Amino acid sequence: MSISDESDPRAYIRLAAELRRDISAGKHQPGKPTPSITTLSQQYGHARQTCAKALRLLVDEGLLIRYPGLGYYVVGDSKSDSPDAS
């Protein structure tokens, strides 16, 4: 697997690339939450701040949306993009 960002030494860039790949592969569905910062930290062995920075990068790119207190959700064409709409 080759993603241009994977060669970047900054851990948050590499983690963002991994999450970006998961989103494009459909592992994280539109309208559904991403793993929490705590889960990402445990899964990848990065500091919570590193995981949060990776998620914020994907928010800035328009791939995720943050709902304070609820987490990060994948942006997409699902009928209910809001986590409280169900």
C-alpha atoms as a PDB file:
ATOM      1  CA  MET A   1       0.000   0.000   0.000  1.00  0.00           C
ATOM      2  CA  SER A   2       1.379   3.322  -0.994  1.00  0.00           C
ATOM      3  CA  ILE A   3       0.131   6.682   0.187  1.00  0.00           C
ATOM      4  CA  SER A   4       2.343   9.682  -0.412  1.00  0.00           C
ATOM      5  CA  ASP A   5       1.868  10.907   3.179  1.00  0.00           C
ATOM      6  CA  GLU A   6       3.252   7.662   4.623  1.00  0.00           C
ATOM      7  CA  SER A   7       6.809   8.843   3.973  1.00  0.00           C
ATOM      8  CA  ASP A   8       6.244  11.922   6.164  1.00  0.00           C
ATOM      9  CA  PRO A   9       7.990  11.541   9.534  1.00  0.00           C
ATOM     10  CA  ARG A  10       5.179  13.229  11.445  1.00  0.00           C
ATOM     11  CA  ALA A  11       2.992  10.597  13.098  1.00  0.00           C
ATOM     12  CA  TYR A  12      -0.228  12.599  12.748  1.00  0.00           C
ATOM     13  CA  ILE A  13       0.281  12.865   8.971  1.00  0.00           C
ATOM     14  CA  ARG A  14       0.785   9.099   8.712  1.00  0.00           C
ATOM     15  CA  LEU A  15      -2.256   8.406  10.884  1.00  0.00           C
ATOM     16  CA  ALA A  16      -4.379  10.814   8.836  1.00  0.00           C
ATOM     17  CA  ALA A  17      -3.234   9.006   5.670  1.00  0.00           C
ATOM     18  CA  GLU A  18      -4.275   5.663   7.187  1.00  0.00           C
ATOM     19  CA  LEU A  19      -7.700   7.008   8.169  1.00  0.00           C
ATOM     20  CA  ARG A  20      -8.103   8.663   4.751  1.00  0.00           C
ATOM     21  CA  ARG A  21      -7.393   5.307   3.107  1.00  0.00           C
ATOM     22  CA  ASP A  22      -9.903   3.560   5.399  1.00  0.00           C
ATOM     23  CA  ILE A  23     -12.562   6.138   4.509  1.00  0.00           C
ATOM     24  CA  SER A  24     -11.962   5.806   0.774  1.00  0.00           C
ATOM     25  CA  ALA A  25     -12.026   2.008   1.067  1.00  0.00           C
ATOM     26  CA  GLY A  26     -15.393   2.177   2.824  1.00  0.00           C
ATOM     27  CA  LYS A  27     -14.154   0.891   6.179  1.00  0.00           C
ATOM     28  CA  HIS A  28     -15.643   4.002   7.773  1.00  0.00           C
ATOM     29  CA  GLN A  29     -19.075   4.671   6.250  1.00  0.00           C
ATOM     30  CA  PRO A  30     -20.555   8.149   5.608  1.00  0.00           C
ATOM     31  CA  GLY A  31     -22.583   9.375   8.566  1.00  0.00           C
ATOM     32  CA  LYS A  32     -20.921   6.899  10.926  1.00  0.00           C
ATOM     33  CA  PRO A  33     -18.418   7.731  13.681  1.00  0.00           C
ATOM     34  CA  THR A  34     -14.702   7.155  13.407  1.00  0.00           C
ATOM     35  CA  PRO A  35     -12.925   5.340  16.214  1.00  0.00           C
ATOM     36  CA  SER A  36     -12.525   7.579  19.264  1.00  0.00           C
ATOM     37  CA  ILE A  37      -9.287   9.372  20.062  1.00  0.00           C
ATOM     38  CA  THR A  38      -8.721   6.916  22.916  1.00  0.00           C
ATOM     39  CA  THR A  39      -9.295   3.937  20.621  1.00  0.00           C
ATOM     40  CA  LEU A  40      -6.961   5.336  17.953  1.00  0.00           C
ATOM     41  CA  SER A  41      -4.325   6.042  20.602  1.00  0.00           C
ATOM     42  CA  GLN A  42      -4.480   2.472  21.883  1.00  0.00           C
ATOM     43  CA  GLN A  43      -4.704   0.906  18.422  1.00  0.00           C
ATOM     44  CA  TYR A  44      -1.812   2.823  16.840  1.00  0.00           C
ATOM     45  CA  GLY A  45       0.305   3.531  19.933  1.00  0.00           C
ATOM     46  CA  HIS A  46       0.296   7.302  19.449  1.00  0.00           C
ATOM     47  CA  ALA A  47      -0.332  10.007  22.030  1.00  0.00           C
ATOM     48  CA  ARG A  48      -3.926  11.240  22.253  1.00  0.00           C
ATOM     49  CA  GLN A  49      -2.775  14.661  21.003  1.00  0.00           C
ATOM     50  CA  THR A  50      -1.315  13.038  17.883  1.00  0.00           C
ATOM     51  CA  CYS A  51      -4.584  11.233  17.163  1.00  0.00           C
ATOM     52  CA  ALA A  52      -6.614  14.389  17.756  1.00  0.00           C
ATOM     53  CA  LYS A  53      -4.367  16.325  15.374  1.00  0.00           C
ATOM     54  CA  ALA A  54      -4.834  13.664  12.669  1.00  0.00           C
ATOM     55  CA  LEU A  55      -8.624  13.858  13.056  1.00  0.00           C
ATOM     56  CA  ARG A  56      -8.551  17.680  12.931  1.00  0.00           C
ATOM     57  CA  LEU A  57      -6.535  17.471   9.704  1.00  0.00           C
ATOM     58  CA  LEU A  58      -9.295  15.323   8.161  1.00  0.00           C
ATOM     59  CA  VAL A  59     -11.919  17.803   9.403  1.00  0.00           C
ATOM     60  CA  ASP A  60      -9.961  20.588   7.679  1.00  0.00           C
ATOM     61  CA  GLU A  61      -9.956  18.487   4.491  1.00  0.00           C
ATOM     62  CA  GLY A  62     -13.729  18.064   4.691  1.00  0.00           C
ATOM     63  CA  LEU A  63     -13.659  14.284   5.198  1.00  0.00           C
ATOM     64  CA  LEU A  64     -14.856  14.381   8.808  1.00  0.00           C
ATOM     65  CA  ILE A  65     -17.108  16.561  10.903  1.00  0.00           C
ATOM     66  CA  ARG A  66     -16.727  16.985  14.649  1.00  0.00           C
ATOM     67  CA  TYR A  67     -19.719  16.959  16.957  1.00  0.00           C
ATOM     68  CA  PRO A  68     -18.511  18.198  20.366  1.00  0.00           C
ATOM     69  CA  GLY A  69     -19.166  15.592  23.014  1.00  0.00           C
ATOM     70  CA  LEU A  70     -20.059  12.956  20.407  1.00  0.00           C
ATOM     71  CA  GLY A  71     -16.902  12.543  18.340  1.00  0.00           C
ATOM     72  CA  TYR A  72     -15.871  12.643  14.702  1.00  0.00           C
ATOM     73  CA  TYR A  73     -18.148  11.446  11.899  1.00  0.00           C
ATOM     74  CA  VAL A  74     -17.441  10.665   8.259  1.00  0.00           C
ATOM     75  CA  VAL A  75     -18.944  13.211   5.881  1.00  0.00           C
ATOM     76  CA  GLY A  76     -20.977  11.706   3.083  1.00  0.00           C
ATOM     77  CA  ASP A  77     -24.230  11.277   1.219  1.00  0.00           C
ATOM     78  CA  SER A  78     -26.089   9.320   3.877  1.00  0.00           C
ATOM     79  CA  LYS A  79     -29.662  10.437   4.556  1.00  0.00           C
ATOM     80  CA  SER A  80     -28.783  11.474   8.105  1.00  0.00           C
ATOM     81  CA  ASP A  81     -25.371  13.058   8.423  1.00  0.00           C
ATOM     82  CA  SER A  82     -26.101  14.187  11.964  1.00  0.00           C
ATOM     83  CA  PRO A  83     -25.531  11.624  14.743  1.00  0.00           C
ATOM     84  CA  ASP A  84     -28.613  12.819  16.652  1.00  0.00           C
ATOM     85  CA  ALA A  85     -30.936  12.545  13.633  1.00  0.00           C
ATOM     86  CA  SER A  86     -31.645   8.846  14.097  1.00  0.00           C
END
